[in-house]
N, C-alpha and C. Protein backbone atom coordinates (compact mmCIF):
# COMPACT_ATOMS: atom_id res chain seq x y z
N MET A 1 0.91 -1.22 -0.24
CA MET A 1 0.11 0.24 0.13
C MET A 1 1.24 1.34 -0.01
N THR A 2 2.00 1.26 0.42
CA THR A 2 2.74 2.02 0.56
C THR A 2 3.54 2.51 -0.53
N ARG A 3 3.54 1.62 -1.30
CA ARG A 3 4.59 1.63 -2.69
C ARG A 3 3.61 2.61 -3.61
N VAL A 4 2.20 1.58 -3.39
CA VAL A 4 1.25 2.74 -4.53
C VAL A 4 0.82 3.89 -4.04
N GLY A 5 0.91 4.44 -2.99
CA GLY A 5 0.90 5.30 -2.56
C GLY A 5 1.61 6.33 -2.76
N THR A 6 3.17 6.07 -3.16
CA THR A 6 4.43 6.44 -3.27
C THR A 6 4.46 6.47 -4.79
N LEU A 7 3.99 5.93 -5.56
CA LEU A 7 3.62 6.17 -7.28
C LEU A 7 2.85 7.08 -7.52
N LEU A 8 1.81 7.45 -6.82
CA LEU A 8 0.49 8.08 -7.02
C LEU A 8 1.30 9.61 -7.02
N ALA A 9 1.91 9.54 -5.24
CA ALA A 9 2.12 10.89 -5.34
C ALA A 9 3.19 11.49 -6.82
N ASP A 10 4.45 10.46 -6.41
CA ASP A 10 5.10 10.91 -7.60
C ASP A 10 4.54 10.85 -9.19
N ASN A 11 3.58 10.65 -9.45
CA ASN A 11 2.38 10.23 -10.57
C ASN A 11 2.06 11.93 -10.99
N LEU A 12 1.48 12.20 -9.19
CA LEU A 12 0.41 14.13 -9.23
C LEU A 12 2.02 14.65 -9.45
N ARG A 13 2.55 14.50 -8.72
CA ARG A 13 3.94 15.62 -8.50
C ARG A 13 4.33 15.84 -10.14
N GLU A 14 4.99 14.85 -11.26
CA GLU A 14 5.17 15.15 -12.20
C GLU A 14 3.98 15.87 -13.40
N SER A 15 2.73 15.12 -12.96
CA SER A 15 1.69 16.08 -13.74
C SER A 15 1.36 17.57 -13.49
N TYR A 16 2.32 17.31 -12.42
CA TYR A 16 1.06 19.20 -11.82
C TYR A 16 2.00 20.13 -12.54
N VAL A 17 1.37 20.77 -13.21
CA VAL A 17 2.06 21.97 -13.80
C VAL A 17 1.71 23.20 -13.04
N ALA A 18 2.70 24.08 -12.67
CA ALA A 18 2.69 25.49 -11.88
C ALA A 18 1.98 26.36 -12.76
N PRO A 19 0.70 27.26 -12.32
CA PRO A 19 -0.39 27.59 -13.31
C PRO A 19 0.82 29.22 -12.96
N GLU A 20 0.42 29.68 -14.68
CA GLU A 20 1.26 30.96 -15.22
C GLU A 20 0.95 32.08 -14.14
N PRO A 21 1.69 32.81 -13.36
CA PRO A 21 1.58 34.16 -13.12
C PRO A 21 0.48 34.84 -14.03
N THR A 22 -0.24 35.61 -13.14
CA THR A 22 -1.19 36.28 -13.73
C THR A 22 -0.53 37.81 -14.45
N ARG A 23 -0.52 37.86 -15.30
CA ARG A 23 0.65 39.34 -15.55
C ARG A 23 -0.35 40.71 -15.81
N GLY A 24 -0.65 41.53 -15.42
CA GLY A 24 -1.19 42.75 -15.96
C GLY A 24 -1.64 42.92 -17.01
N PRO A 25 -1.99 44.15 -17.62
CA PRO A 25 -2.36 44.57 -18.94
C PRO A 25 -0.97 45.84 -19.06
N TRP A 26 -1.02 45.48 -20.67
CA TRP A 26 0.16 46.42 -21.33
C TRP A 26 -0.09 47.84 -20.99
N ILE A 27 1.16 48.63 -20.49
CA ILE A 27 1.00 49.81 -19.76
C ILE A 27 0.55 50.29 -20.82
N HIS A 28 0.65 50.25 -22.54
CA HIS A 28 0.15 51.40 -23.50
C HIS A 28 -1.04 51.43 -23.49
N ASP A 29 -1.74 50.14 -23.18
CA ASP A 29 -3.18 49.69 -23.54
C ASP A 29 -3.69 50.51 -22.06
N VAL A 30 -3.05 50.55 -20.96
CA VAL A 30 -4.12 51.14 -20.15
C VAL A 30 -4.27 52.80 -20.22
N LEU A 31 -2.32 52.85 -20.66
CA LEU A 31 -3.06 54.97 -21.07
C LEU A 31 -3.82 55.13 -22.27
N ARG A 32 -4.19 53.92 -22.96
CA ARG A 32 -4.84 54.68 -24.07
C ARG A 32 -6.10 54.35 -23.41
N ASP A 33 -6.59 53.41 -22.82
CA ASP A 33 -7.91 53.58 -22.12
C ASP A 33 -8.11 54.58 -21.44
N LEU A 34 -7.33 55.03 -20.57
CA LEU A 34 -7.51 56.26 -19.81
C LEU A 34 -7.53 57.54 -20.87
N ALA A 35 -6.93 57.82 -21.66
CA ALA A 35 -6.56 59.08 -23.05
C ALA A 35 -8.22 59.00 -23.41
N LEU A 36 -8.72 57.70 -23.61
CA LEU A 36 -9.84 57.46 -24.27
C LEU A 36 -11.09 57.75 -23.15
N HIS A 37 -11.10 57.65 -22.81
CA HIS A 37 -12.29 57.47 -21.16
C HIS A 37 -11.90 58.51 -20.58
N PRO A 38 -11.40 59.67 -21.11
CA PRO A 38 -10.95 61.05 -19.73
C PRO A 38 -12.42 60.80 -17.91
N VAL A 39 -13.52 60.61 -18.22
CA VAL A 39 -14.61 60.40 -17.46
C VAL A 39 -13.66 59.65 -16.08
N ARG A 40 -13.29 58.72 -16.73
CA ARG A 40 -12.88 57.75 -15.22
C ARG A 40 -11.83 58.93 -14.21
N PHE A 41 -11.30 59.35 -14.65
CA PHE A 41 -10.25 60.55 -14.08
C PHE A 41 -11.30 60.90 -12.86
N ILE A 42 -12.81 61.38 -13.25
CA ILE A 42 -13.16 62.28 -12.43
C ILE A 42 -14.29 61.49 -11.30
N ARG A 43 -14.63 60.78 -12.22
CA ARG A 43 -15.52 59.18 -11.63
C ARG A 43 -15.01 58.36 -10.47
N VAL A 44 -13.53 57.97 -10.77
CA VAL A 44 -12.92 57.57 -9.86
C VAL A 44 -11.58 57.97 -9.54
N TRP A 45 -12.10 59.61 -8.85
CA TRP A 45 -10.93 60.33 -8.63
C TRP A 45 -10.55 59.81 -6.95
N ASN A 46 -9.33 59.44 -6.95
CA ASN A 46 -8.56 58.65 -5.66
C ASN A 46 -8.69 59.99 -4.46
N TRP A 47 -9.65 59.94 -3.85
CA TRP A 47 -9.51 61.03 -2.74
C TRP A 47 -9.33 60.34 -1.61
N LYS A 48 -8.69 59.13 -1.60
CA LYS A 48 -7.56 58.71 -0.09
C LYS A 48 -6.41 59.38 -0.69
N SER A 49 -5.82 59.19 -2.01
CA SER A 49 -4.67 59.80 -2.48
C SER A 49 -4.13 60.92 -1.87
N ALA A 50 -5.68 62.04 -2.11
CA ALA A 50 -5.50 63.33 -1.81
C ALA A 50 -5.37 63.60 -0.58
N LEU A 51 -6.31 63.10 0.14
CA LEU A 51 -6.42 63.14 1.69
C LEU A 51 -4.88 62.92 2.19
N LEU A 52 -4.15 62.25 1.57
CA LEU A 52 -2.93 61.71 2.29
C LEU A 52 -2.10 62.57 1.91
N SER A 53 -2.02 62.95 1.27
CA SER A 53 -1.20 64.12 0.23
C SER A 53 -1.25 65.28 0.88
N VAL A 54 -2.17 65.73 1.17
CA VAL A 54 -2.34 67.16 2.04
C VAL A 54 -2.34 66.51 3.34
N VAL A 55 -2.30 65.48 4.14
CA VAL A 55 -2.18 65.57 5.58
C VAL A 55 -0.34 65.36 5.79
N LEU A 56 0.40 64.68 4.28
CA LEU A 56 1.55 64.57 4.97
C LEU A 56 2.46 65.70 4.40
N ARG A 57 1.83 66.37 2.91
CA ARG A 57 2.46 67.71 2.46
C ARG A 57 2.62 68.97 3.08
N GLY A 58 1.47 68.95 3.49
CA GLY A 58 1.14 70.39 3.65
C GLY A 58 1.70 71.10 4.96
N PRO A 59 2.22 70.26 6.13
CA PRO A 59 2.90 70.70 6.76
C PRO A 59 4.30 71.14 6.64
N ILE A 60 4.80 70.37 5.63
CA ILE A 60 6.12 70.88 5.04
C ILE A 60 6.14 72.64 4.39
N PHE A 61 5.09 73.23 3.91
CA PHE A 61 4.81 74.49 3.52
C PHE A 61 4.47 75.45 4.76
N VAL A 62 3.75 74.71 5.85
CA VAL A 62 3.51 75.59 7.08
C VAL A 62 4.89 75.67 7.70
N ILE A 63 5.82 74.83 7.55
CA ILE A 63 7.08 75.22 8.48
C ILE A 63 7.84 76.04 7.65
N ALA A 64 8.10 76.05 6.46
CA ALA A 64 8.47 76.88 5.78
C ALA A 64 8.21 78.40 5.64
N SER A 65 6.73 78.03 6.12
CA SER A 65 6.04 79.67 5.62
C SER A 65 6.35 80.55 6.90
N VAL A 66 6.09 79.71 7.98
CA VAL A 66 5.93 79.96 9.60
C VAL A 66 6.71 81.27 9.96
N ARG A 67 8.13 81.67 9.58
CA ARG A 67 9.03 82.33 9.97
C ARG A 67 8.17 83.92 9.44
N ARG A 68 7.43 83.80 8.35
CA ARG A 68 6.67 84.93 8.08
C ARG A 68 5.60 85.48 8.74
N GLY A 69 5.18 84.79 9.60
CA GLY A 69 3.81 85.13 10.14
C GLY A 69 2.83 83.44 9.85
N TRP A 70 2.04 83.56 10.84
CA TRP A 70 0.74 82.24 10.60
C TRP A 70 -0.23 82.57 9.31
N GLU A 71 -0.18 83.95 8.78
CA GLU A 71 -1.20 84.62 7.59
C GLU A 71 -0.24 83.76 6.71
N ALA A 72 1.01 83.93 6.35
CA ALA A 72 1.99 83.21 5.21
C ALA A 72 1.90 81.84 5.08
N ALA A 73 1.54 81.02 6.76
CA ALA A 73 2.35 79.86 6.65
C ALA A 73 0.26 79.35 6.19
N GLY A 74 -0.59 79.92 6.59
CA GLY A 74 -1.88 79.49 6.03
C GLY A 74 -1.92 79.59 4.99
N SER A 75 -1.48 81.01 4.07
CA SER A 75 -1.31 80.73 2.65
C SER A 75 -1.01 79.99 2.12
N ALA A 76 0.25 79.67 2.50
CA ALA A 76 0.69 78.13 1.77
C ALA A 76 0.19 76.99 1.87
N LEU A 77 -0.56 76.94 2.66
CA LEU A 77 -1.25 75.67 3.09
C LEU A 77 -2.29 75.47 2.52
N LEU A 78 -2.87 76.73 2.07
CA LEU A 78 -4.58 76.62 1.47
C LEU A 78 -3.75 76.37 -0.17
N VAL A 79 -3.29 76.93 -0.18
CA VAL A 79 -2.29 76.89 -2.22
C VAL A 79 -1.68 74.98 -2.04
N GLU A 80 -1.41 74.89 -1.08
CA GLU A 80 -0.52 73.58 -1.24
C GLU A 80 -1.92 72.57 -0.89
N SER A 81 -2.78 72.76 -0.14
CA SER A 81 -4.03 71.41 -0.07
C SER A 81 -4.91 71.87 -1.34
N VAL A 82 -5.11 72.77 -2.08
CA VAL A 82 -5.93 72.54 -3.26
C VAL A 82 -5.04 71.98 -4.59
N PHE A 83 -3.72 72.55 -4.42
CA PHE A 83 -3.22 71.68 -5.22
C PHE A 83 -2.66 70.24 -5.08
N CYS A 84 -2.29 69.84 -3.90
CA CYS A 84 -1.88 68.22 -3.64
C CYS A 84 -3.13 67.39 -4.26
N ALA A 85 -4.75 68.44 -3.08
CA ALA A 85 -5.91 67.06 -3.25
C ALA A 85 -6.31 67.09 -5.26
N LEU A 86 -6.31 68.26 -6.06
CA LEU A 86 -6.12 67.78 -7.56
C LEU A 86 -5.21 66.85 -8.13
N THR A 87 -3.95 67.04 -7.78
CA THR A 87 -2.68 66.64 -8.40
C THR A 87 -2.91 64.79 -7.97
N ALA A 88 -3.11 65.29 -6.39
CA ALA A 88 -2.57 63.43 -5.95
C ALA A 88 -3.97 62.78 -6.17
N GLY A 89 -4.69 63.06 -6.17
CA GLY A 89 -6.03 62.66 -6.71
C GLY A 89 -6.41 61.86 -8.39
N PHE A 90 -5.88 62.93 -8.84
CA PHE A 90 -5.40 62.24 -10.07
C PHE A 90 -4.01 61.33 -10.51
N TYR A 91 -3.27 61.66 -9.82
CA TYR A 91 -2.20 60.57 -9.63
C TYR A 91 -2.67 59.30 -8.73
N GLY A 92 -3.28 59.25 -8.20
CA GLY A 92 -4.08 58.02 -7.49
C GLY A 92 -4.56 57.82 -8.15
N THR A 93 -5.41 57.76 -9.01
CA THR A 93 -6.45 57.32 -10.13
C THR A 93 -5.29 56.91 -11.41
N VAL A 94 -4.60 57.41 -11.78
CA VAL A 94 -3.38 56.87 -12.68
C VAL A 94 -2.88 55.61 -12.06
N VAL A 95 -2.22 55.64 -10.82
CA VAL A 95 -1.66 54.48 -9.95
C VAL A 95 -2.19 53.18 -10.18
N GLN A 96 -3.49 53.72 -9.38
CA GLN A 96 -4.77 52.33 -9.44
C GLN A 96 -5.07 51.83 -11.11
N ALA A 97 -4.83 52.58 -11.95
CA ALA A 97 -5.54 52.03 -13.16
C ALA A 97 -4.02 51.07 -13.54
N LEU A 98 -3.09 51.88 -13.47
CA LEU A 98 -1.31 51.03 -13.60
C LEU A 98 -1.05 50.69 -13.05
N ARG A 99 -1.77 50.14 -11.48
CA ARG A 99 -0.42 49.47 -10.75
C ARG A 99 -0.33 47.98 -11.38
N ASP A 100 -0.84 47.07 -12.28
CA ASP A 100 -0.27 45.77 -12.47
C ASP A 100 0.33 45.93 -13.79
N ALA A 101 0.55 46.82 -14.23
CA ALA A 101 0.38 47.36 -15.92
C ALA A 101 2.06 46.32 -16.10
N GLN A 102 2.18 46.13 -17.25
CA GLN A 102 3.42 45.63 -17.78
C GLN A 102 4.04 46.14 -18.80
N PRO A 103 5.17 46.22 -19.41
CA PRO A 103 6.03 45.60 -17.96
C PRO A 103 6.26 46.49 -16.96
N ALA A 104 7.11 46.02 -16.14
CA ALA A 104 6.94 46.68 -14.46
C ALA A 104 7.76 47.72 -14.16
N TRP A 105 9.12 47.31 -15.11
CA TRP A 105 10.18 48.36 -15.00
C TRP A 105 9.91 49.96 -15.49
N LEU A 106 8.70 49.84 -16.48
CA LEU A 106 8.36 50.78 -17.55
C LEU A 106 7.56 51.52 -16.71
N ASN A 107 6.48 50.81 -15.95
CA ASN A 107 5.42 50.84 -15.12
C ASN A 107 5.92 51.80 -14.10
N GLY A 108 6.57 51.29 -13.20
CA GLY A 108 7.59 52.01 -11.90
C GLY A 108 8.40 52.97 -12.53
N LEU A 109 9.23 53.31 -13.08
CA LEU A 109 9.20 54.40 -14.12
C LEU A 109 8.53 55.53 -14.23
N LEU A 110 7.71 55.23 -14.60
CA LEU A 110 6.37 56.37 -14.51
C LEU A 110 5.80 57.00 -13.41
N ILE A 111 5.57 55.39 -12.84
CA ILE A 111 4.77 55.87 -11.77
C ILE A 111 5.68 56.69 -10.77
N THR A 112 7.04 56.08 -10.28
CA THR A 112 7.73 56.68 -9.10
C THR A 112 8.87 57.69 -9.80
N LEU A 113 8.85 58.09 -10.63
CA LEU A 113 9.56 59.12 -11.42
C LEU A 113 9.24 60.34 -12.12
N VAL A 114 8.42 60.09 -13.52
CA VAL A 114 8.23 60.88 -14.19
C VAL A 114 6.79 61.23 -13.70
N MET A 115 6.02 60.87 -13.55
CA MET A 115 5.09 61.82 -13.06
C MET A 115 5.32 62.30 -11.76
N PRO A 116 5.50 62.12 -10.60
CA PRO A 116 6.07 62.66 -9.51
C PRO A 116 6.57 63.94 -9.90
N ALA A 117 7.69 63.97 -11.22
CA ALA A 117 8.58 64.92 -11.22
C ALA A 117 7.71 65.80 -12.02
N LEU A 118 6.50 65.30 -12.73
CA LEU A 118 5.93 66.50 -13.41
C LEU A 118 4.93 67.32 -12.44
N PHE A 119 4.78 66.67 -11.38
CA PHE A 119 3.95 67.44 -10.63
C PHE A 119 4.39 68.18 -9.19
N GLN A 120 6.19 67.94 -9.02
CA GLN A 120 7.17 68.70 -8.72
C GLN A 120 7.16 69.98 -9.03
N GLY A 121 7.29 69.73 -10.31
CA GLY A 121 7.57 70.97 -11.36
C GLY A 121 6.57 71.80 -11.01
N LEU A 122 5.00 71.30 -11.43
CA LEU A 122 3.79 72.44 -11.40
C LEU A 122 3.71 72.74 -10.11
N GLU A 123 4.10 72.37 -8.78
CA GLU A 123 4.34 72.52 -7.39
C GLU A 123 4.81 73.62 -7.15
N TYR A 124 6.17 73.37 -7.67
CA TYR A 124 7.50 74.81 -7.67
C TYR A 124 6.36 75.82 -8.27
N PHE A 125 6.26 75.90 -9.38
CA PHE A 125 5.98 76.97 -9.99
C PHE A 125 4.57 77.55 -9.56
N MET A 126 3.76 76.74 -9.18
CA MET A 126 2.42 76.81 -8.30
C MET A 126 3.09 77.91 -6.94
N GLN A 127 3.67 77.59 -5.97
CA GLN A 127 4.37 77.71 -4.87
C GLN A 127 5.12 79.04 -5.36
N ARG A 128 5.95 79.47 -6.18
CA ARG A 128 6.63 80.46 -6.27
C ARG A 128 5.49 81.04 -6.90
N MET A 129 4.41 81.35 -7.66
CA MET A 129 3.76 82.36 -8.30
C MET A 129 3.21 82.73 -6.81
N HIS A 130 2.97 81.90 -6.11
CA HIS A 130 2.47 82.38 -4.78
C HIS A 130 3.62 83.30 -3.82
N GLY A 131 4.42 83.15 -4.40
CA GLY A 131 5.28 83.74 -3.14
C GLY A 131 5.80 83.25 -1.89
N THR A 132 5.98 82.03 -1.89
CA THR A 132 6.11 81.04 -0.85
C THR A 132 7.64 81.20 -0.54
N PRO A 133 7.94 81.94 0.74
CA PRO A 133 9.13 81.68 1.48
C PRO A 133 9.76 80.43 1.89
N HIS A 134 11.07 80.57 1.50
CA HIS A 134 12.11 79.37 1.75
C HIS A 134 11.56 78.06 0.92
N LEU A 135 11.20 78.68 -0.09
CA LEU A 135 10.50 77.40 -1.10
C LEU A 135 11.27 76.37 -1.59
N ARG A 136 12.99 76.45 -1.25
CA ARG A 136 13.91 75.80 -1.94
C ARG A 136 14.25 74.72 -0.77
N ALA A 137 13.95 74.80 0.40
CA ALA A 137 13.81 73.80 1.35
C ALA A 137 12.74 73.01 1.61
N ALA A 138 11.36 73.84 1.23
CA ALA A 138 10.28 73.30 1.36
C ALA A 138 10.12 72.17 0.24
N GLU A 139 10.51 72.47 -1.27
CA GLU A 139 10.77 71.60 -2.10
C GLU A 139 11.67 70.64 -2.02
N ILE A 140 12.71 70.71 -1.91
CA ILE A 140 13.70 69.49 -1.16
C ILE A 140 12.80 68.53 -0.40
N ALA A 141 12.36 69.18 0.81
CA ALA A 141 11.47 67.80 1.79
C ALA A 141 10.70 67.54 0.74
N SER A 142 9.60 67.79 0.02
CA SER A 142 8.36 67.47 -0.77
C SER A 142 9.06 66.64 -1.99
N VAL A 143 10.20 67.11 -2.49
CA VAL A 143 10.59 66.23 -3.38
C VAL A 143 10.75 64.54 -2.87
N ILE A 144 11.61 64.79 -1.90
CA ILE A 144 12.06 63.27 -1.15
C ILE A 144 10.81 62.80 -0.60
N GLY A 145 9.57 63.79 -0.27
CA GLY A 145 8.40 62.98 0.83
C GLY A 145 7.78 62.42 -0.49
N GLY A 146 7.88 63.05 -1.78
CA GLY A 146 7.46 62.53 -3.05
C GLY A 146 7.77 61.37 -3.50
N ALA A 147 8.95 61.50 -3.32
CA ALA A 147 9.73 59.87 -4.12
C ALA A 147 9.17 59.21 -3.12
N LEU A 148 9.34 59.06 -1.82
CA LEU A 148 8.71 57.94 -1.14
C LEU A 148 6.95 57.87 -0.76
N SER A 149 6.57 58.52 -0.93
CA SER A 149 5.29 58.73 -0.99
C SER A 149 4.80 57.89 -2.31
N ALA A 150 5.54 57.94 -3.36
CA ALA A 150 4.92 57.35 -4.77
C ALA A 150 5.24 56.29 -4.48
N LEU A 151 6.47 55.64 -4.38
CA LEU A 151 6.42 54.04 -3.77
C LEU A 151 6.04 53.64 -2.97
N PHE A 152 5.25 54.28 -2.22
CA PHE A 152 4.70 53.48 -0.84
C PHE A 152 3.16 53.30 -1.42
N ASN A 153 2.61 54.35 -2.63
CA ASN A 153 1.08 54.34 -2.92
C ASN A 153 1.04 53.32 -3.76
N TRP A 154 2.36 53.01 -4.87
CA TRP A 154 2.25 51.86 -5.97
C TRP A 154 2.28 50.98 -4.74
N TYR A 155 3.20 50.28 -4.11
CA TYR A 155 3.37 49.36 -2.95
C TYR A 155 1.99 48.80 -2.50
N ALA A 156 1.46 49.99 -1.89
CA ALA A 156 -0.28 49.78 -1.30
C ALA A 156 -1.33 49.15 -2.08
N MET A 157 -1.28 49.92 -3.47
CA MET A 157 -2.11 49.75 -4.08
C MET A 157 -2.23 48.28 -4.81
N ARG A 158 -0.81 47.84 -4.71
CA ARG A 158 -0.97 46.18 -5.85
C ARG A 158 -1.30 45.52 -4.63
N GLN A 159 -1.30 46.08 -2.93
CA GLN A 159 -1.73 44.94 -2.26
C GLN A 159 -2.94 45.51 -1.95
N GLY A 160 -3.79 45.94 -2.59
CA GLY A 160 -5.05 46.05 -2.26
C GLY A 160 -5.53 47.16 -1.70
N ALA A 161 -4.66 48.35 -0.75
CA ALA A 161 -4.97 48.94 -0.05
C ALA A 161 -5.15 50.68 -0.67
N LEU A 162 -5.67 51.58 -0.37
CA LEU A 162 -5.63 52.95 -1.13
C LEU A 162 -7.02 53.22 -2.14
N LEU A 163 -7.39 51.98 -2.56
CA LEU A 163 -8.05 51.88 -3.90
C LEU A 163 -9.55 52.65 -3.59
N VAL A 164 -9.95 53.24 -4.48
CA VAL A 164 -11.36 53.76 -4.56
C VAL A 164 -12.32 52.75 -5.95
N GLY A 165 -13.95 53.41 -5.62
CA GLY A 165 -14.61 52.73 -6.41
C GLY A 165 -14.59 51.30 -6.11
N LYS A 166 -15.02 50.61 -7.34
CA LYS A 166 -15.71 49.06 -6.94
C LYS A 166 -14.65 48.24 -6.12
N GLU A 167 -13.26 48.35 -6.35
CA GLU A 167 -11.95 47.75 -5.94
C GLU A 167 -11.43 48.35 -4.61
N GLY A 168 -12.06 49.28 -3.54
CA GLY A 168 -11.86 49.87 -2.76
C GLY A 168 -12.31 49.48 -1.62
N LYS A 169 -12.13 49.81 -0.33
CA LYS A 169 -12.17 49.18 1.24
C LYS A 169 -12.47 50.58 1.99
N THR A 170 -12.69 50.80 3.42
CA THR A 170 -13.06 51.84 3.83
C THR A 170 -11.19 52.25 3.96
N LEU A 171 -11.59 53.80 4.21
CA LEU A 171 -10.12 54.12 4.59
C LEU A 171 -9.91 54.14 5.96
N ALA A 172 -10.67 53.77 6.69
CA ALA A 172 -10.28 53.07 7.97
C ALA A 172 -9.74 51.97 8.01
N GLY A 173 -10.50 51.17 7.49
CA GLY A 173 -9.64 49.55 7.20
C GLY A 173 -7.92 49.76 6.28
N ASP A 174 -7.69 50.47 5.58
CA ASP A 174 -6.89 50.98 5.07
C ASP A 174 -6.07 51.30 5.95
N VAL A 175 -6.36 52.17 6.85
CA VAL A 175 -5.84 53.10 7.50
C VAL A 175 -4.92 51.55 8.52
N MET A 176 -5.88 50.92 9.30
CA MET A 176 -5.95 49.99 10.23
C MET A 176 -4.70 48.64 9.36
N ARG A 177 -4.38 48.93 8.09
CA ARG A 177 -3.57 48.00 7.64
C ARG A 177 -2.19 48.69 7.23
N PHE A 178 -2.10 50.08 8.06
CA PHE A 178 -0.65 50.84 7.21
C PHE A 178 0.33 50.16 7.89
N PRO A 179 0.39 49.54 9.15
CA PRO A 179 1.64 49.29 9.95
C PRO A 179 2.18 48.10 9.34
N VAL A 180 1.41 46.89 8.71
CA VAL A 180 2.14 46.07 8.41
C VAL A 180 2.44 46.18 6.59
N LEU A 181 1.54 47.35 6.01
CA LEU A 181 1.95 47.37 4.93
C LEU A 181 3.36 48.52 5.13
N LEU A 182 3.95 49.33 5.96
CA LEU A 182 4.99 49.85 6.19
C LEU A 182 5.96 48.73 6.43
N TYR A 183 5.69 48.13 7.33
CA TYR A 183 6.88 47.29 7.73
C TYR A 183 7.21 46.35 6.39
N ASN A 184 6.39 45.81 5.62
CA ASN A 184 6.79 45.13 4.47
C ASN A 184 7.05 46.00 3.59
N PHE A 185 7.03 47.48 3.06
CA PHE A 185 7.43 48.26 2.38
C PHE A 185 9.09 48.37 2.47
N VAL A 186 9.25 48.67 3.85
CA VAL A 186 10.80 48.69 4.64
C VAL A 186 11.42 47.75 4.10
N LEU A 187 11.02 46.45 4.31
CA LEU A 187 11.67 45.41 4.61
C LEU A 187 11.70 45.06 2.65
N LEU A 188 11.13 45.43 1.69
CA LEU A 188 11.35 45.60 0.50
C LEU A 188 12.70 44.75 -0.45
N PRO A 189 13.79 45.88 -0.05
CA PRO A 189 15.07 46.09 -0.51
C PRO A 189 15.70 45.09 0.24
N ILE A 190 15.54 45.13 1.23
CA ILE A 190 16.18 43.82 2.30
C ILE A 190 16.22 42.71 2.18
N ARG A 191 14.95 42.31 1.36
CA ARG A 191 14.82 41.01 1.19
C ARG A 191 14.79 40.69 -0.49
N TRP A 192 14.55 41.67 -1.35
CA TRP A 192 15.48 41.94 -2.60
C TRP A 192 16.91 41.43 -2.63
N ILE A 193 17.44 42.81 -1.47
CA ILE A 193 19.44 42.11 -1.78
C ILE A 193 19.32 40.48 -0.91
N ALA A 194 18.33 40.08 -0.27
CA ALA A 194 18.51 38.53 0.33
C ALA A 194 18.56 37.87 -0.85
N ARG A 195 17.94 37.77 -1.92
CA ARG A 195 17.11 36.81 -3.01
C ARG A 195 18.33 37.00 -3.69
N ARG A 196 19.16 37.78 -3.66
CA ARG A 196 20.19 38.19 -4.94
C ARG A 196 21.56 37.21 -3.85
């Protein structure tokens, strides 16, 4: 009986074919779909990304402007909040649509470098036109925070968090997952190096 069981197990092992990993859509297909259906940007505007961006980046401009008084700090916060709410919501919508797109290297480049660089340039121009004091220091902090935020946003969305629309859960549920998401996000480079 043991020999029959062993033969059966060997047979099953040899006939088992691992399923192909599911690949996401091609990046050009997703971008074309977004360009052809711009209403998605309004319908699935990612309010979670917008809210978190305002909460995380607004204080940078308050701190940079407070030396000129609370009126200047409040004004800089208002400009940054409106800008962040609009652009981060748009950015979150695009990241949600692209989160699994292939090739992953091009997707990563677009999501973590190209789009944030465009938004940082717009932010700098807007704050400069507004006359925000100590703008250089604020922008350096904003660039660093924006780069880390872009990477985490992409990672969190790939894990099913920070999504809106049919795919989304409650913000409270997403926030409850943050400690585990942040822990795993910080360990990603270490795990990548360990596998090499």
